[in-house]
Amino acid sequence: MTVDTLHLPFKVQTGDLTMTPPRPTMTDIVADVSARRRIPVDILRGKRKAKPIVLARHEAMYLMRQQKRATGEYHYSAAQIGRFFGTDHSSALHGVRRHAERNGL
């Protein structure tokens, strides 16, 4: 799954009005990964360290971190992602890096 498949902002021209749909929230991203990996959201956000759960958690962290604002800044900081998963920022960055390494991103 790529960030593009999460329906990231795109411009829709309607007459003189240009609309940009909102970015997916962290909850939306986790729900999507949870559904595809068939792992309940509460387990995905929990502390379990079984490999399938960790791989899914790292994927969600990666997708959250890779979204960028128009300014080029990350939409979600490592600290925000860490808080969402009940851990610190360095664990979130580790998850992002591990997912990227495993998938050649």
PDB file of N, CA and C in Angstrom:
ATOM      1  N   MET A   1       0.834  -1.179   0.000  1.00  0.00           N
ATOM      2  CA  MET A   1       0.000   0.000   0.000  1.00  0.00           C
ATOM      3  C   MET A   1       0.873   1.234   0.000  1.00  0.00           C
ATOM      4  N   THR A   2       0.491   2.195  -0.765  1.00  0.00           N
ATOM      5  CA  THR A   2       1.230   3.444  -0.800  1.00  0.00           C
ATOM      6  C   THR A   2       0.378   4.539  -0.183  1.00  0.00           C
ATOM      7  N   VAL A   3       1.009   5.638   0.077  1.00  0.00           N
ATOM      8  CA  VAL A   3       0.292   6.779   0.636  1.00  0.00           C
ATOM      9  C   VAL A   3      -0.786   7.238  -0.338  1.00  0.00           C
ATOM     10  N   ASP A   4      -0.523   7.098  -1.655  1.00  0.00           N
ATOM     11  CA  ASP A   4      -1.475   7.540  -2.673  1.00  0.00           C
ATOM     12  C   ASP A   4      -2.821   6.831  -2.564  1.00  0.00           C
ATOM     13  N   THR A   5      -2.839   5.586  -2.105  1.00  0.00           N
ATOM     14  CA  THR A   5      -4.092   4.846  -2.036  1.00  0.00           C
ATOM     15  C   THR A   5      -4.948   5.251  -0.854  1.00  0.00           C
ATOM     16  N   LEU A   6      -4.468   6.165  -0.030  1.00  0.00           N
ATOM     17  CA  LEU A   6      -5.241   6.636   1.114  1.00  0.00           C
ATOM     18  C   LEU A   6      -6.061   7.881   0.778  1.00  0.00           C
ATOM     19  N   HIS A   7      -6.220   8.181  -0.488  1.00  0.00           N
ATOM     20  CA  HIS A   7      -7.011   9.319  -0.934  1.00  0.00           C
ATOM     21  C   HIS A   7      -6.457  10.634  -0.386  1.00  0.00           C
ATOM     22  N   LEU A   8      -5.186  10.838  -0.618  1.00  0.00           N
ATOM     23  CA  LEU A   8      -4.572  12.082  -0.189  1.00  0.00           C
ATOM     24  C   LEU A   8      -5.120  13.241  -1.002  1.00  0.00           C
ATOM     25  N   PRO A   9      -4.913  14.455  -0.549  1.00  0.00           N
ATOM     26  CA  PRO A   9      -5.512  15.614  -1.203  1.00  0.00           C
ATOM     27  C   PRO A   9      -5.228  15.678  -2.699  1.00  0.00           C
ATOM     28  N   PHE A  10      -6.229  16.030  -3.412  1.00  0.00           N
ATOM     29  CA  PHE A  10      -6.127  16.303  -4.829  1.00  0.00           C
ATOM     30  C   PHE A  10      -7.038  17.487  -5.102  1.00  0.00           C
ATOM     31  N   LYS A  11      -6.789  18.161  -6.164  1.00  0.00           N
ATOM     32  CA  LYS A  11      -7.583  19.347  -6.476  1.00  0.00           C
ATOM     33  C   LYS A  11      -8.758  18.937  -7.364  1.00  0.00           C
ATOM     34  N   VAL A  12      -9.926  19.405  -7.012  1.00  0.00           N
ATOM     35  CA  VAL A  12     -11.125  19.174  -7.797  1.00  0.00           C
ATOM     36  C   VAL A  12     -11.609  20.524  -8.291  1.00  0.00           C
ATOM     37  N   GLN A  13     -11.669  20.700  -9.577  1.00  0.00           N
ATOM     38  CA  GLN A  13     -12.110  21.962 -10.144  1.00  0.00           C
ATOM     39  C   GLN A  13     -13.626  21.931 -10.319  1.00  0.00           C
ATOM     40  N   THR A  14     -14.332  22.834  -9.689  1.00  0.00           N
ATOM     41  CA  THR A  14     -15.778  22.963  -9.858  1.00  0.00           C
ATOM     42  C   THR A  14     -16.075  24.425 -10.115  1.00  0.00           C
ATOM     43  N   GLY A  15     -16.118  24.788 -11.370  1.00  0.00           N
ATOM     44  CA  GLY A  15     -16.325  26.195 -11.700  1.00  0.00           C
ATOM     45  C   GLY A  15     -15.152  27.022 -11.237  1.00  0.00           C
ATOM     46  N   ASP A  16     -15.407  28.002 -10.391  1.00  0.00           N
ATOM     47  CA  ASP A  16     -14.354  28.854  -9.859  1.00  0.00           C
ATOM     48  C   ASP A  16     -13.841  28.361  -8.511  1.00  0.00           C
ATOM     49  N   LEU A  17     -14.392  27.254  -8.019  1.00  0.00           N
ATOM     50  CA  LEU A  17     -14.060  26.764  -6.686  1.00  0.00           C
ATOM     51  C   LEU A  17     -13.095  25.587  -6.784  1.00  0.00           C
ATOM     52  N   THR A  18     -12.021  25.635  -6.054  1.00  0.00           N
ATOM     53  CA  THR A  18     -11.080  24.524  -5.972  1.00  0.00           C
ATOM     54  C   THR A  18     -11.152  23.961  -4.563  1.00  0.00           C
ATOM     55  N   MET A  19     -11.480  22.677  -4.480  1.00  0.00           N
ATOM     56  CA  MET A  19     -11.607  22.031  -3.165  1.00  0.00           C
ATOM     57  C   MET A  19     -10.483  21.023  -2.989  1.00  0.00           C
ATOM     58  N   THR A  20      -9.983  20.911  -1.790  1.00  0.00           N
ATOM     59  CA  THR A  20      -8.987  19.905  -1.454  1.00  0.00           C
ATOM     60  C   THR A  20      -9.556  19.061  -0.319  1.00  0.00           C
ATOM     61  N   PRO A  21      -9.815  17.784  -0.581  1.00  0.00           N
ATOM     62  CA  PRO A  21     -10.347  16.926   0.486  1.00  0.00           C
ATOM     63  C   PRO A  21      -9.371  16.850   1.665  1.00  0.00           C
ATOM     64  N   PRO A  22      -9.876  16.632   2.869  1.00  0.00           N
ATOM     65  CA  PRO A  22      -8.991  16.555   4.034  1.00  0.00           C
ATOM     66  C   PRO A  22      -8.107  15.321   3.990  1.00  0.00           C
ATOM     67  N   ARG A  23      -6.963  15.436   4.627  1.00  0.00           N
ATOM     68  CA  ARG A  23      -6.057  14.279   4.723  1.00  0.00           C
ATOM     69  C   ARG A  23      -6.657  13.252   5.677  1.00  0.00           C
ATOM     70  N   PRO A  24      -6.310  11.996   5.481  1.00  0.00           N
ATOM     71  CA  PRO A  24      -6.795  10.987   6.423  1.00  0.00           C
ATOM     72  C   PRO A  24      -6.195  11.215   7.813  1.00  0.00           C
ATOM     73  N   THR A  25      -6.968  10.964   8.821  1.00  0.00           N
ATOM     74  CA  THR A  25      -6.480  11.092  10.191  1.00  0.00           C
ATOM     75  C   THR A  25      -5.674   9.856  10.556  1.00  0.00           C
ATOM     76  N   MET A  26      -4.988   9.915  11.688  1.00  0.00           N
ATOM     77  CA  MET A  26      -4.253   8.742  12.154  1.00  0.00           C
ATOM     78  C   MET A  26      -5.216   7.584  12.384  1.00  0.00           C
ATOM     79  N   THR A  27      -6.399   7.878  12.892  1.00  0.00           N
ATOM     80  CA  THR A  27      -7.406   6.841  13.123  1.00  0.00           C
ATOM     81  C   THR A  27      -7.830   6.203  11.804  1.00  0.00           C
ATOM     82  N   ASP A  28      -7.990   7.004  10.759  1.00  0.00           N
ATOM     83  CA  ASP A  28      -8.347   6.472   9.438  1.00  0.00           C
ATOM     84  C   ASP A  28      -7.268   5.531   8.912  1.00  0.00           C
ATOM     85  N   ILE A  29      -6.019   5.934   9.068  1.00  0.00           N
ATOM     86  CA  ILE A  29      -4.901   5.127   8.575  1.00  0.00           C
ATOM     87  C   ILE A  29      -4.836   3.802   9.318  1.00  0.00           C
ATOM     88  N   VAL A  30      -4.954   3.846  10.645  1.00  0.00           N
ATOM     89  CA  VAL A  30      -4.901   2.610  11.434  1.00  0.00           C
ATOM     90  C   VAL A  30      -6.084   1.708  11.092  1.00  0.00           C
ATOM     91  N   ALA A  31      -7.248   2.293  10.888  1.00  0.00           N
ATOM     92  CA  ALA A  31      -8.424   1.495  10.530  1.00  0.00           C
ATOM     93  C   ALA A  31      -8.224   0.807   9.183  1.00  0.00           C
ATOM     94  N   ASP A  32      -7.618   1.510   8.237  1.00  0.00           N
ATOM     95  CA  ASP A  32      -7.359   0.937   6.918  1.00  0.00           C
ATOM     96  C   ASP A  32      -6.364  -0.218   7.008  1.00  0.00           C
ATOM     97  N   VAL A  33      -5.252   0.001   7.707  1.00  0.00           N
ATOM     98  CA  VAL A  33      -4.249  -1.057   7.872  1.00  0.00           C
ATOM     99  C   VAL A  33      -4.853  -2.231   8.639  1.00  0.00           C
ATOM    100  N   SER A  34      -5.627  -1.938   9.659  1.00  0.00           N
ATOM    101  CA  SER A  34      -6.280  -2.976  10.458  1.00  0.00           C
ATOM    102  C   SER A  34      -7.191  -3.850   9.595  1.00  0.00           C
ATOM    103  N   ALA A  35      -7.968  -3.227   8.736  1.00  0.00           N
ATOM    104  CA  ALA A  35      -8.887  -3.971   7.880  1.00  0.00           C
ATOM    105  C   ALA A  35      -8.129  -4.832   6.868  1.00  0.00           C
ATOM    106  N   ARG A  36      -7.092  -4.271   6.257  1.00  0.00           N
ATOM    107  CA  ARG A  36      -6.339  -5.040   5.264  1.00  0.00           C
ATOM    108  C   ARG A  36      -5.554  -6.180   5.879  1.00  0.00           C
ATOM    109  N   ARG A  37      -5.002  -5.962   7.068  1.00  0.00           N
ATOM    110  CA  ARG A  37      -4.193  -6.991   7.729  1.00  0.00           C
ATOM    111  C   ARG A  37      -5.026  -7.910   8.629  1.00  0.00           C
ATOM    112  N   ARG A  38      -6.317  -7.566   8.790  1.00  0.00           N
ATOM    113  CA  ARG A  38      -7.233  -8.345   9.630  1.00  0.00           C
ATOM    114  C   ARG A  38      -6.739  -8.468  11.071  1.00  0.00           C
ATOM    115  N   ILE A  39      -6.324  -7.325  11.587  1.00  0.00           N
ATOM    116  CA  ILE A  39      -5.880  -7.225  12.976  1.00  0.00           C
ATOM    117  C   ILE A  39      -6.730  -6.141  13.629  1.00  0.00           C
ATOM    118  N   PRO A  40      -7.395  -6.427  14.741  1.00  0.00           N
ATOM    119  CA  PRO A  40      -8.234  -5.409  15.386  1.00  0.00           C
ATOM    120  C   PRO A  40      -7.424  -4.155  15.750  1.00  0.00           C
ATOM    121  N   VAL A  41      -8.085  -3.019  15.651  1.00  0.00           N
ATOM    122  CA  VAL A  41      -7.424  -1.731  15.907  1.00  0.00           C
ATOM    123  C   VAL A  41      -6.819  -1.677  17.301  1.00  0.00           C
ATOM    124  N   ASP A  42      -7.535  -2.171  18.312  1.00  0.00           N
ATOM    125  CA  ASP A  42      -7.002  -2.095  19.678  1.00  0.00           C
ATOM    126  C   ASP A  42      -5.732  -2.923  19.833  1.00  0.00           C
ATOM    127  N   ILE A  43      -5.632  -4.032  19.123  1.00  0.00           N
ATOM    128  CA  ILE A  43      -4.407  -4.842  19.172  1.00  0.00           C
ATOM    129  C   ILE A  43      -3.289  -4.144  18.403  1.00  0.00           C
ATOM    130  N   LEU A  44      -3.628  -3.550  17.264  1.00  0.00           N
ATOM    131  CA  LEU A  44      -2.644  -2.831  16.462  1.00  0.00           C
ATOM    132  C   LEU A  44      -2.034  -1.669  17.245  1.00  0.00           C
ATOM    133  N   ARG A  45      -2.845  -0.991  18.038  1.00  0.00           N
ATOM    134  CA  ARG A  45      -2.367   0.137  18.837  1.00  0.00           C
ATOM    135  C   ARG A  45      -1.779  -0.297  20.177  1.00  0.00           C
ATOM    136  N   GLY A  46      -1.850  -1.565  20.494  1.00  0.00           N
ATOM    137  CA  GLY A  46      -1.390  -2.072  21.783  1.00  0.00           C
ATOM    138  C   GLY A  46       0.100  -2.348  21.824  1.00  0.00           C
ATOM    139  N   LYS A  47       0.498  -3.151  22.803  1.00  0.00           N
ATOM    140  CA  LYS A  47       1.910  -3.408  23.064  1.00  0.00           C
ATOM    141  C   LYS A  47       2.385  -4.776  22.585  1.00  0.00           C
ATOM    142  N   ARG A  48       1.494  -5.579  22.026  1.00  0.00           N
ATOM    143  CA  ARG A  48       1.892  -6.929  21.597  1.00  0.00           C
ATOM    144  C   ARG A  48       3.011  -6.859  20.571  1.00  0.00           C
ATOM    145  N   LYS A  49       3.891  -7.874  20.632  1.00  0.00           N
ATOM    146  CA  LYS A  49       5.067  -7.853  19.772  1.00  0.00           C
ATOM    147  C   LYS A  49       5.133  -9.037  18.816  1.00  0.00           C
ATOM    148  N   ALA A  50       4.006  -9.684  18.549  1.00  0.00           N
ATOM    149  CA  ALA A  50       3.979 -10.752  17.560  1.00  0.00           C
ATOM    150  C   ALA A  50       4.297 -10.140  16.191  1.00  0.00           C
ATOM    151  N   LYS A  51       5.057 -10.857  15.388  1.00  0.00           N
ATOM    152  CA  LYS A  51       5.561 -10.298  14.136  1.00  0.00           C
ATOM    153  C   LYS A  51       4.476  -9.715  13.232  1.00  0.00           C
ATOM    154  N   PRO A  52       3.353 -10.407  12.977  1.00  0.00           N
ATOM    155  CA  PRO A  52       2.340  -9.812  12.088  1.00  0.00           C
ATOM    156  C   PRO A  52       1.783  -8.493  12.629  1.00  0.00           C
ATOM    157  N   ILE A  53       1.669  -8.387  13.938  1.00  0.00           N
ATOM    158  CA  ILE A  53       1.159  -7.168  14.557  1.00  0.00           C
ATOM    159  C   ILE A  53       2.179  -6.042  14.419  1.00  0.00           C
ATOM    160  N   VAL A  54       3.426  -6.337  14.681  1.00  0.00           N
ATOM    161  CA  VAL A  54       4.489  -5.333  14.587  1.00  0.00           C
ATOM    162  C   VAL A  54       4.627  -4.842  13.147  1.00  0.00           C
ATOM    163  N   LEU A  55       4.557  -5.750  12.177  1.00  0.00           N
ATOM    164  CA  LEU A  55       4.665  -5.345  10.771  1.00  0.00           C
ATOM    165  C   LEU A  55       3.531  -4.401  10.381  1.00  0.00           C
ATOM    166  N   ALA A  56       2.327  -4.711  10.826  1.00  0.00           N
ATOM    167  CA  ALA A  56       1.175  -3.852  10.537  1.00  0.00           C
ATOM    168  C   ALA A  56       1.321  -2.502  11.238  1.00  0.00           C
ATOM    169  N   ARG A  57       1.781  -2.518  12.486  1.00  0.00           N
ATOM    170  CA  ARG A  57       1.964  -1.269  13.242  1.00  0.00           C
ATOM    171  C   ARG A  57       3.000  -0.391  12.554  1.00  0.00           C
ATOM    172  N   HIS A  58       4.103  -0.985  12.112  1.00  0.00           N
ATOM    173  CA  HIS A  58       5.142  -0.225  11.420  1.00  0.00           C
ATOM    174  C   HIS A  58       4.624   0.340  10.102  1.00  0.00           C
ATOM    175  N   GLU A  59       3.789  -0.412   9.401  1.00  0.00           N
ATOM    176  CA  GLU A  59       3.205   0.092   8.162  1.00  0.00           C
ATOM    177  C   GLU A  59       2.350   1.327   8.433  1.00  0.00           C
ATOM    178  N   ALA A  60       1.548   1.262   9.471  1.00  0.00           N
ATOM    179  CA  ALA A  60       0.695   2.403   9.824  1.00  0.00           C
ATOM    180  C   ALA A  60       1.550   3.612  10.199  1.00  0.00           C
ATOM    181  N   MET A  61       2.609   3.394  10.972  1.00  0.00           N
ATOM    182  CA  MET A  61       3.503   4.490  11.344  1.00  0.00           C
ATOM    183  C   MET A  61       4.135   5.111  10.102  1.00  0.00           C
ATOM    184  N   TYR A  62       4.567   4.260   9.178  1.00  0.00           N
ATOM    185  CA  TYR A  62       5.180   4.740   7.942  1.00  0.00           C
ATOM    186  C   TYR A  62       4.194   5.603   7.155  1.00  0.00           C
ATOM    187  N   LEU A  63       2.969   5.129   7.007  1.00  0.00           N
ATOM    188  CA  LEU A  63       1.975   5.871   6.235  1.00  0.00           C
ATOM    189  C   LEU A  63       1.648   7.211   6.890  1.00  0.00           C
ATOM    190  N   MET A  64       1.606   7.227   8.209  1.00  0.00           N
ATOM    191  CA  MET A  64       1.346   8.488   8.909  1.00  0.00           C
ATOM    192  C   MET A  64       2.488   9.474   8.700  1.00  0.00           C
ATOM    193  N   ARG A  65       3.696   8.991   8.757  1.00  0.00           N
ATOM    194  CA  ARG A  65       4.869   9.862   8.667  1.00  0.00           C
ATOM    195  C   ARG A  65       5.111  10.365   7.252  1.00  0.00           C
ATOM    196  N   GLN A  66       4.749   9.592   6.241  1.00  0.00           N
ATOM    197  CA  GLN A  66       5.070   9.960   4.868  1.00  0.00           C
ATOM    198  C   GLN A  66       4.136  10.999   4.270  1.00  0.00           C
ATOM    199  N   GLN A  67       3.013  11.249   4.897  1.00  0.00           N
ATOM    200  CA  GLN A  67       2.126  12.299   4.395  1.00  0.00           C
ATOM    201  C   GLN A  67       2.803  13.649   4.580  1.00  0.00           C
ATOM    202  N   LYS A  68       2.734  14.467   3.568  1.00  0.00           N
ATOM    203  CA  LYS A  68       3.352  15.794   3.678  1.00  0.00           C
ATOM    204  C   LYS A  68       2.337  16.877   3.387  1.00  0.00           C
ATOM    205  N   ARG A  69       2.496  17.978   4.065  1.00  0.00           N
ATOM    206  CA  ARG A  69       1.677  19.168   3.808  1.00  0.00           C
ATOM    207  C   ARG A  69       2.191  19.853   2.554  1.00  0.00           C
ATOM    208  N   ALA A  70       1.442  20.798   2.068  1.00  0.00           N
ATOM    209  CA  ALA A  70       1.857  21.560   0.890  1.00  0.00           C
ATOM    210  C   ALA A  70       3.172  22.302   1.146  1.00  0.00           C
ATOM    211  N   THR A  71       3.453  22.600   2.417  1.00  0.00           N
ATOM    212  CA  THR A  71       4.679  23.318   2.769  1.00  0.00           C
ATOM    213  C   THR A  71       5.900  22.404   2.778  1.00  0.00           C
ATOM    214  N   GLY A  72       5.684  21.099   2.622  1.00  0.00           N
ATOM    215  CA  GLY A  72       6.792  20.154   2.656  1.00  0.00           C
ATOM    216  C   GLY A  72       7.051  19.587   4.034  1.00  0.00           C
ATOM    217  N   GLU A  73       6.336  20.085   5.039  1.00  0.00           N
ATOM    218  CA  GLU A  73       6.480  19.565   6.398  1.00  0.00           C
ATOM    219  C   GLU A  73       5.688  18.274   6.518  1.00  0.00           C
ATOM    220  N   TYR A  74       6.112  17.420   7.426  1.00  0.00           N
ATOM    221  CA  TYR A  74       5.353  16.199   7.681  1.00  0.00           C
ATOM    222  C   TYR A  74       4.023  16.546   8.340  1.00  0.00           C
ATOM    223  N   HIS A  75       2.979  15.864   7.933  1.00  0.00           N
ATOM    224  CA  HIS A  75       1.655  16.117   8.483  1.00  0.00           C
ATOM    225  C   HIS A  75       1.579  15.663   9.939  1.00  0.00           C
ATOM    226  N   TYR A  76       2.185  14.519  10.236  1.00  0.00           N
ATOM    227  CA  TYR A  76       2.220  14.013  11.615  1.00  0.00           C
ATOM    228  C   TYR A  76       3.666  13.884  12.061  1.00  0.00           C
ATOM    229  N   SER A  77       3.968  14.448  13.206  1.00  0.00           N
ATOM    230  CA  SER A  77       5.327  14.368  13.735  1.00  0.00           C
ATOM    231  C   SER A  77       5.548  13.000  14.372  1.00  0.00           C
ATOM    232  N   ALA A  78       6.811  12.672  14.566  1.00  0.00           N
ATOM    233  CA  ALA A  78       7.145  11.410  15.222  1.00  0.00           C
ATOM    234  C   ALA A  78       6.570  11.376  16.638  1.00  0.00           C
ATOM    235  N   ALA A  79       6.563  12.516  17.309  1.00  0.00           N
ATOM    236  CA  ALA A  79       6.005  12.579  18.665  1.00  0.00           C
ATOM    237  C   ALA A  79       4.498  12.310  18.647  1.00  0.00           C
ATOM    238  N   GLN A  80       3.791  12.869  17.672  1.00  0.00           N
ATOM    239  CA  GLN A  80       2.351  12.626  17.566  1.00  0.00           C
ATOM    240  C   GLN A  80       2.060  11.145  17.295  1.00  0.00           C
ATOM    241  N   ILE A  81       2.833  10.561  16.397  1.00  0.00           N
ATOM    242  CA  ILE A  81       2.646   9.142  16.070  1.00  0.00           C
ATOM    243  C   ILE A  81       2.948   8.296  17.293  1.00  0.00           C
ATOM    244  N   GLY A  82       4.027   8.615  17.992  1.00  0.00           N
ATOM    245  CA  GLY A  82       4.379   7.872  19.198  1.00  0.00           C
ATOM    246  C   GLY A  82       3.281   7.939  20.242  1.00  0.00           C
ATOM    247  N   ARG A  83       2.750   9.131  20.489  1.00  0.00           N
ATOM    248  CA  ARG A  83       1.655   9.274  21.462  1.00  0.00           C
ATOM    249  C   ARG A  83       0.439   8.454  21.042  1.00  0.00           C
ATOM    250  N   PHE A  84       0.134   8.460  19.753  1.00  0.00           N
ATOM    251  CA  PHE A  84      -1.020   7.720  19.241  1.00  0.00           C
ATOM    252  C   PHE A  84      -0.896   6.227  19.549  1.00  0.00           C
ATOM    253  N   PHE A  85       0.329   5.708  19.446  1.00  0.00           N
ATOM    254  CA  PHE A  85       0.568   4.288  19.693  1.00  0.00           C
ATOM    255  C   PHE A  85       1.013   4.004  21.129  1.00  0.00           C
ATOM    256  N   GLY A  86       1.050   5.020  21.979  1.00  0.00           N
ATOM    257  CA  GLY A  86       1.418   4.821  23.380  1.00  0.00           C
ATOM    258  C   GLY A  86       2.895   4.568  23.583  1.00  0.00           C
ATOM    259  N   THR A  87       3.730   5.172  22.759  1.00  0.00           N
ATOM    260  CA  THR A  87       5.166   4.996  22.874  1.00  0.00           C
ATOM    261  C   THR A  87       5.849   6.345  22.634  1.00  0.00           C
ATOM    262  N   ASP A  88       7.156   6.374  22.535  1.00  0.00           N
ATOM    263  CA  ASP A  88       7.835   7.648  22.331  1.00  0.00           C
ATOM    264  C   ASP A  88       8.179   7.861  20.856  1.00  0.00           C
ATOM    265  N   HIS A  89       8.710   9.043  20.558  1.00  0.00           N
ATOM    266  CA  HIS A  89       8.986   9.400  19.168  1.00  0.00           C
ATOM    267  C   HIS A  89      10.050   8.521  18.529  1.00  0.00           C
ATOM    268  N   SER A  90      11.035   8.078  19.317  1.00  0.00           N
ATOM    269  CA  SER A  90      12.106   7.275  18.737  1.00  0.00           C
ATOM    270  C   SER A  90      11.591   5.900  18.297  1.00  0.00           C
ATOM    271  N   SER A  91      10.626   5.352  19.012  1.00  0.00           N
ATOM    272  CA  SER A  91      10.027   4.084  18.597  1.00  0.00           C
ATOM    273  C   SER A  91       9.228   4.259  17.304  1.00  0.00           C
ATOM    274  N   ALA A  92       8.571   5.397  17.174  1.00  0.00           N
ATOM    275  CA  ALA A  92       7.824   5.675  15.941  1.00  0.00           C
ATOM    276  C   ALA A  92       8.788   5.806  14.761  1.00  0.00           C
ATOM    277  N   LEU A  93       9.884   6.519  14.938  1.00  0.00           N
ATOM    278  CA  LEU A  93      10.867   6.656  13.863  1.00  0.00           C
ATOM    279  C   LEU A  93      11.492   5.314  13.509  1.00  0.00           C
ATOM    280  N   HIS A  94      11.738   4.476  14.512  1.00  0.00           N
ATOM    281  CA  HIS A  94      12.272   3.137  14.272  1.00  0.00           C
ATOM    282  C   HIS A  94      11.293   2.336  13.409  1.00  0.00           C
ATOM    283  N   GLY A  95      10.010   2.400  13.735  1.00  0.00           N
ATOM    284  CA  GLY A  95       9.002   1.689  12.963  1.00  0.00           C
ATOM    285  C   GLY A  95       8.934   2.161  11.517  1.00  0.00           C
ATOM    286  N   VAL A  96       9.033   3.467  11.328  1.00  0.00           N
ATOM    287  CA  VAL A  96       9.013   4.041   9.973  1.00  0.00           C
ATOM    288  C   VAL A  96      10.219   3.541   9.181  1.00  0.00           C
ATOM    289  N   ARG A  97      11.407   3.608   9.793  1.00  0.00           N
ATOM    290  CA  ARG A  97      12.630   3.170   9.109  1.00  0.00           C
ATOM    291  C   ARG A  97      12.594   1.675   8.793  1.00  0.00           C
ATOM    292  N   ARG A  98      12.156   0.869   9.741  1.00  0.00           N
ATOM    293  CA  ARG A  98      12.099  -0.580   9.535  1.00  0.00           C
ATOM    294  C   ARG A  98      11.153  -0.942   8.398  1.00  0.00           C
ATOM    295  N   HIS A  99       9.997  -0.298   8.344  1.00  0.00           N
ATOM    296  CA  HIS A  99       9.043  -0.576   7.269  1.00  0.00           C
ATOM    297  C   HIS A  99       9.650  -0.199   5.914  1.00  0.00           C
ATOM    298  N   ALA A 100      10.298   0.948   5.863  1.00  0.00           N
ATOM    299  CA  ALA A 100      10.910   1.393   4.616  1.00  0.00           C
ATOM    300  C   ALA A 100      12.015   0.419   4.182  1.00  0.00           C
ATOM    301  N   GLU A 101      12.833  -0.031   5.113  1.00  0.00           N
ATOM    302  CA  GLU A 101      13.911  -0.974   4.797  1.00  0.00           C
ATOM    303  C   GLU A 101      13.346  -2.305   4.281  1.00  0.00           C
ATOM    304  N   ARG A 102      12.345  -2.826   4.973  1.00  0.00           N
ATOM    305  CA  ARG A 102      11.752  -4.119   4.603  1.00  0.00           C
ATOM    306  C   ARG A 102      11.122  -4.088   3.221  1.00  0.00           C
ATOM    307  N   ASN A 103      10.600  -2.928   2.829  1.00  0.00           N
ATOM    308  CA  ASN A 103       9.862  -2.822   1.577  1.00  0.00           C
ATOM    309  C   ASN A 103      10.608  -2.067   0.483  1.00  0.00           C
ATOM    310  N   GLY A 104      11.872  -1.760   0.728  1.00  0.00           N
ATOM    311  CA  GLY A 104      12.687  -1.094  -0.289  1.00  0.00           C
ATOM    312  C   GLY A 104      12.161   0.285  -0.671  1.00  0.00           C
ATOM    313  N   LEU A 105      11.636   1.016   0.320  1.00  0.00           N
ATOM    314  CA  LEU A 105      11.074   2.350   0.039  1.00  0.00           C
ATOM    315  C   LEU A 105      12.065   3.450   0.323  1.00  0.00           C
TER     316      LEU A 105
END
